[in-house]
Amino acid sequence: MMAQFYGIWGDTNGGTSTGEASLALGKLCFPNENLSGNNGHDLKDVLYIGFPGSQAVPGKSGANWKAKSTADFEASIKALGDELVAGL
C-alpha cells in the first residue's frame, strides 16, 4: 500500500537549527516503529521529493502553523503539495 504525505522540508525553527520534518514524516509513514532521533527506519522504501523556490513556500499558501493535529496541518498544505506534484 502506498501512502502520500506532504511535509515541510528545510524549516529552520527561526534560523537556529534544522527542523524535524524527516522525523515527523517518518512517524506518519511508520507509526508502529517508535521512531526517534536514536531509532530510524532503515529500509529503502520511502521516496522524498523536494521542491525548491518561492512557489514551494507553504507560508504563502496558508499553511496552518498552529494546527491542533497532524491531520489538520496536512490538510492545510495539501493543495500546495498537489499543485507541486502535478507539475512533475
N, C-alpha and C. Protein backbone atom coordinates (compact mmCIF):
# COMPACT_ATOMS: atom_id res chain seq x y z
N MET A 1 0.84 -1.17 0.00
CA MET A 1 0.00 0.00 0.00
C MET A 1 0.89 1.24 0.00
N MET A 2 0.55 2.21 -0.82
CA MET A 2 1.35 3.43 -0.90
C MET A 2 0.61 4.57 -0.22
N ALA A 3 1.31 5.29 0.62
CA ALA A 3 0.76 6.46 1.27
C ALA A 3 1.49 7.69 0.76
N GLN A 4 0.79 8.80 0.75
CA GLN A 4 1.39 10.06 0.33
C GLN A 4 1.19 11.09 1.42
N PHE A 5 2.29 11.68 1.86
CA PHE A 5 2.24 12.72 2.87
C PHE A 5 3.03 13.92 2.39
N TYR A 6 2.58 15.08 2.77
CA TYR A 6 3.32 16.31 2.49
C TYR A 6 3.90 16.81 3.80
N GLY A 7 5.06 17.42 3.70
CA GLY A 7 5.70 17.97 4.89
C GLY A 7 6.56 19.16 4.52
N ILE A 8 7.04 19.82 5.53
CA ILE A 8 7.90 20.97 5.34
C ILE A 8 9.34 20.51 5.49
N TRP A 9 10.09 20.66 4.46
CA TRP A 9 11.48 20.23 4.47
C TRP A 9 12.35 21.47 4.39
N GLY A 10 13.27 21.61 5.29
CA GLY A 10 14.14 22.77 5.28
C GLY A 10 13.68 23.87 6.20
N ASP A 11 12.71 23.57 7.05
CA ASP A 11 12.34 24.57 8.04
C ASP A 11 13.52 24.78 8.97
N THR A 12 13.67 25.98 9.47
CA THR A 12 14.85 26.28 10.27
C THR A 12 14.54 26.73 11.69
N ASN A 13 13.32 26.57 12.13
CA ASN A 13 12.96 26.90 13.51
C ASN A 13 13.48 28.28 13.90
N GLY A 14 13.19 29.27 13.11
CA GLY A 14 13.62 30.62 13.43
C GLY A 14 15.07 30.90 13.09
N GLY A 15 15.67 30.03 12.26
CA GLY A 15 17.04 30.25 11.84
C GLY A 15 18.09 29.69 12.76
N THR A 16 17.69 28.91 13.78
CA THR A 16 18.67 28.41 14.74
C THR A 16 19.07 26.96 14.50
N SER A 17 18.21 26.16 13.91
CA SER A 17 18.53 24.76 13.66
C SER A 17 17.58 24.20 12.61
N THR A 18 17.97 23.09 12.03
CA THR A 18 17.12 22.44 11.05
C THR A 18 15.93 21.81 11.76
N GLY A 19 14.77 21.85 11.12
CA GLY A 19 13.55 21.32 11.74
C GLY A 19 13.47 19.81 11.75
N GLU A 20 12.36 19.31 12.20
CA GLU A 20 12.17 17.88 12.42
C GLU A 20 11.28 17.23 11.36
N ALA A 21 11.30 17.74 10.14
CA ALA A 21 10.40 17.23 9.10
C ALA A 21 10.59 15.74 8.85
N SER A 22 11.83 15.28 8.75
CA SER A 22 12.03 13.86 8.43
C SER A 22 11.52 12.96 9.55
N LEU A 23 11.69 13.36 10.79
CA LEU A 23 11.19 12.56 11.91
C LEU A 23 9.66 12.56 11.91
N ALA A 24 9.06 13.71 11.70
CA ALA A 24 7.59 13.80 11.68
C ALA A 24 7.02 12.96 10.55
N LEU A 25 7.61 13.04 9.36
CA LEU A 25 7.12 12.24 8.24
C LEU A 25 7.36 10.76 8.48
N GLY A 26 8.49 10.43 9.08
CA GLY A 26 8.75 9.03 9.41
C GLY A 26 7.70 8.46 10.34
N LYS A 27 7.31 9.24 11.33
CA LYS A 27 6.28 8.78 12.27
C LYS A 27 4.92 8.63 11.58
N LEU A 28 4.63 9.48 10.59
CA LEU A 28 3.39 9.33 9.83
C LEU A 28 3.41 8.05 9.01
N CYS A 29 4.54 7.79 8.35
CA CYS A 29 4.65 6.62 7.48
C CYS A 29 4.75 5.30 8.26
N PHE A 30 5.40 5.34 9.41
CA PHE A 30 5.67 4.12 10.17
C PHE A 30 5.31 4.32 11.64
N PRO A 31 4.02 4.48 11.92
CA PRO A 31 3.59 4.82 13.29
C PRO A 31 3.87 3.76 14.34
N ASN A 32 4.15 2.54 13.93
CA ASN A 32 4.36 1.46 14.89
C ASN A 32 5.84 1.13 15.12
N GLU A 33 6.75 1.95 14.58
CA GLU A 33 8.17 1.65 14.70
C GLU A 33 8.88 2.45 15.79
N ASN A 34 8.14 3.24 16.56
CA ASN A 34 8.73 4.03 17.65
C ASN A 34 9.95 4.82 17.20
N LEU A 35 9.82 5.51 16.09
CA LEU A 35 10.93 6.28 15.54
C LEU A 35 11.27 7.46 16.43
N SER A 36 12.58 7.76 16.51
CA SER A 36 13.07 8.89 17.29
C SER A 36 14.41 9.32 16.70
N GLY A 37 15.03 10.29 17.32
CA GLY A 37 16.35 10.70 16.89
C GLY A 37 17.39 9.61 17.02
N ASN A 38 17.08 8.59 17.82
CA ASN A 38 18.02 7.48 18.04
C ASN A 38 17.56 6.18 17.41
N ASN A 39 16.37 6.17 16.80
CA ASN A 39 15.82 4.96 16.21
C ASN A 39 15.18 5.32 14.88
N GLY A 40 15.85 4.99 13.79
CA GLY A 40 15.34 5.35 12.46
C GLY A 40 14.78 4.16 11.71
N HIS A 41 14.27 4.44 10.55
CA HIS A 41 13.72 3.43 9.65
C HIS A 41 14.79 3.16 8.60
N ASP A 42 15.28 1.93 8.53
CA ASP A 42 16.42 1.62 7.67
C ASP A 42 16.07 1.15 6.27
N LEU A 43 14.87 0.65 6.07
CA LEU A 43 14.52 0.12 4.75
C LEU A 43 14.47 1.24 3.72
N LYS A 44 14.82 0.90 2.50
CA LYS A 44 14.79 1.88 1.40
C LYS A 44 13.46 1.79 0.69
N ASP A 45 12.40 2.23 1.37
CA ASP A 45 11.06 2.16 0.80
C ASP A 45 10.32 3.49 0.90
N VAL A 46 11.08 4.57 0.98
CA VAL A 46 10.50 5.91 1.07
C VAL A 46 11.12 6.77 -0.02
N LEU A 47 10.30 7.52 -0.72
CA LEU A 47 10.79 8.46 -1.73
C LEU A 47 10.45 9.86 -1.27
N TYR A 48 11.47 10.69 -1.08
CA TYR A 48 11.28 12.10 -0.75
C TYR A 48 11.46 12.90 -2.04
N ILE A 49 10.58 13.81 -2.30
CA ILE A 49 10.71 14.74 -3.42
C ILE A 49 10.68 16.14 -2.83
N GLY A 50 11.73 16.89 -3.05
CA GLY A 50 11.81 18.26 -2.53
C GLY A 50 11.57 19.26 -3.65
N PHE A 51 10.86 20.31 -3.34
CA PHE A 51 10.56 21.36 -4.31
C PHE A 51 11.20 22.66 -3.85
N PRO A 52 12.16 23.18 -4.61
CA PRO A 52 12.80 24.45 -4.25
C PRO A 52 12.03 25.63 -4.82
N GLY A 53 12.38 26.79 -4.38
CA GLY A 53 11.83 28.01 -4.95
C GLY A 53 10.68 28.60 -4.16
N SER A 54 10.39 29.83 -4.48
CA SER A 54 9.36 30.56 -3.73
C SER A 54 7.97 29.96 -3.88
N GLN A 55 7.70 29.28 -5.00
CA GLN A 55 6.38 28.68 -5.19
C GLN A 55 6.13 27.51 -4.24
N ALA A 56 7.18 27.01 -3.61
CA ALA A 56 7.05 25.88 -2.70
C ALA A 56 7.03 26.30 -1.23
N VAL A 57 6.98 27.58 -0.96
CA VAL A 57 6.98 28.06 0.42
C VAL A 57 5.56 27.98 0.97
N PRO A 58 5.31 27.07 1.92
CA PRO A 58 3.94 26.87 2.39
C PRO A 58 3.36 28.03 3.18
N GLY A 59 4.18 28.86 3.75
CA GLY A 59 3.65 30.01 4.48
C GLY A 59 2.84 30.93 3.60
N LYS A 60 3.20 30.97 2.33
CA LYS A 60 2.49 31.81 1.38
C LYS A 60 1.20 31.17 0.89
N SER A 61 1.00 29.90 1.18
CA SER A 61 -0.20 29.21 0.70
C SER A 61 -1.23 29.02 1.80
N GLY A 62 -0.99 29.55 2.95
CA GLY A 62 -1.96 29.42 4.03
C GLY A 62 -1.76 28.20 4.90
N ALA A 63 -0.52 27.75 5.07
CA ALA A 63 -0.27 26.62 5.95
C ALA A 63 -0.74 26.97 7.36
N ASN A 64 -1.38 26.02 7.99
CA ASN A 64 -1.90 26.22 9.34
C ASN A 64 -0.81 25.86 10.36
N TRP A 65 0.07 26.81 10.63
CA TRP A 65 1.20 26.58 11.53
C TRP A 65 0.75 26.31 12.97
N LYS A 66 -0.47 26.64 13.30
CA LYS A 66 -0.96 26.42 14.67
C LYS A 66 -1.98 25.30 14.72
N ALA A 67 -1.95 24.41 13.74
CA ALA A 67 -2.90 23.29 13.69
C ALA A 67 -2.82 22.48 14.98
N LYS A 68 -3.95 22.00 15.41
CA LYS A 68 -4.02 21.20 16.65
C LYS A 68 -3.75 19.72 16.41
N SER A 69 -3.70 19.31 15.14
CA SER A 69 -3.45 17.90 14.84
C SER A 69 -2.65 17.78 13.56
N THR A 70 -2.03 16.63 13.40
CA THR A 70 -1.29 16.34 12.18
C THR A 70 -2.22 16.38 10.97
N ALA A 71 -3.40 15.82 11.12
CA ALA A 71 -4.37 15.79 10.02
C ALA A 71 -4.75 17.21 9.58
N ASP A 72 -4.93 18.10 10.54
CA ASP A 72 -5.27 19.49 10.20
C ASP A 72 -4.12 20.18 9.47
N PHE A 73 -2.89 19.93 9.91
CA PHE A 73 -1.75 20.55 9.23
C PHE A 73 -1.61 19.98 7.81
N GLU A 74 -1.71 18.66 7.69
CA GLU A 74 -1.65 18.03 6.37
C GLU A 74 -2.70 18.63 5.44
N ALA A 75 -3.91 18.81 5.94
CA ALA A 75 -4.99 19.38 5.12
C ALA A 75 -4.64 20.79 4.67
N SER A 76 -3.95 21.54 5.51
CA SER A 76 -3.64 22.93 5.18
C SER A 76 -2.58 23.07 4.09
N ILE A 77 -1.75 22.05 3.90
CA ILE A 77 -0.72 22.12 2.86
C ILE A 77 -1.00 21.20 1.67
N LYS A 78 -2.13 20.51 1.70
CA LYS A 78 -2.46 19.56 0.64
C LYS A 78 -2.60 20.21 -0.72
N ALA A 79 -3.29 21.32 -0.81
CA ALA A 79 -3.48 21.96 -2.12
C ALA A 79 -2.14 22.35 -2.74
N LEU A 80 -1.24 22.90 -1.94
CA LEU A 80 0.08 23.28 -2.45
C LEU A 80 0.84 22.03 -2.87
N GLY A 81 0.83 20.99 -2.06
CA GLY A 81 1.52 19.74 -2.39
C GLY A 81 0.98 19.13 -3.67
N ASP A 82 -0.34 19.07 -3.81
CA ASP A 82 -0.96 18.53 -5.01
C ASP A 82 -0.54 19.32 -6.25
N GLU A 83 -0.50 20.64 -6.12
CA GLU A 83 -0.11 21.51 -7.23
C GLU A 83 1.35 21.26 -7.64
N LEU A 84 2.22 21.16 -6.66
CA LEU A 84 3.64 20.93 -6.96
C LEU A 84 3.86 19.56 -7.61
N VAL A 85 3.19 18.54 -7.10
CA VAL A 85 3.32 17.19 -7.64
C VAL A 85 2.76 17.14 -9.07
N ALA A 86 1.67 17.84 -9.31
CA ALA A 86 1.07 17.83 -10.65
C ALA A 86 2.02 18.43 -11.69
N GLY A 87 2.94 19.28 -11.24
CA GLY A 87 3.90 19.89 -12.15
C GLY A 87 5.08 18.99 -12.50
N LEU A 88 5.15 17.81 -11.91
CA LEU A 88 6.28 16.90 -12.22
C LEU A 88 6.17 16.32 -13.61
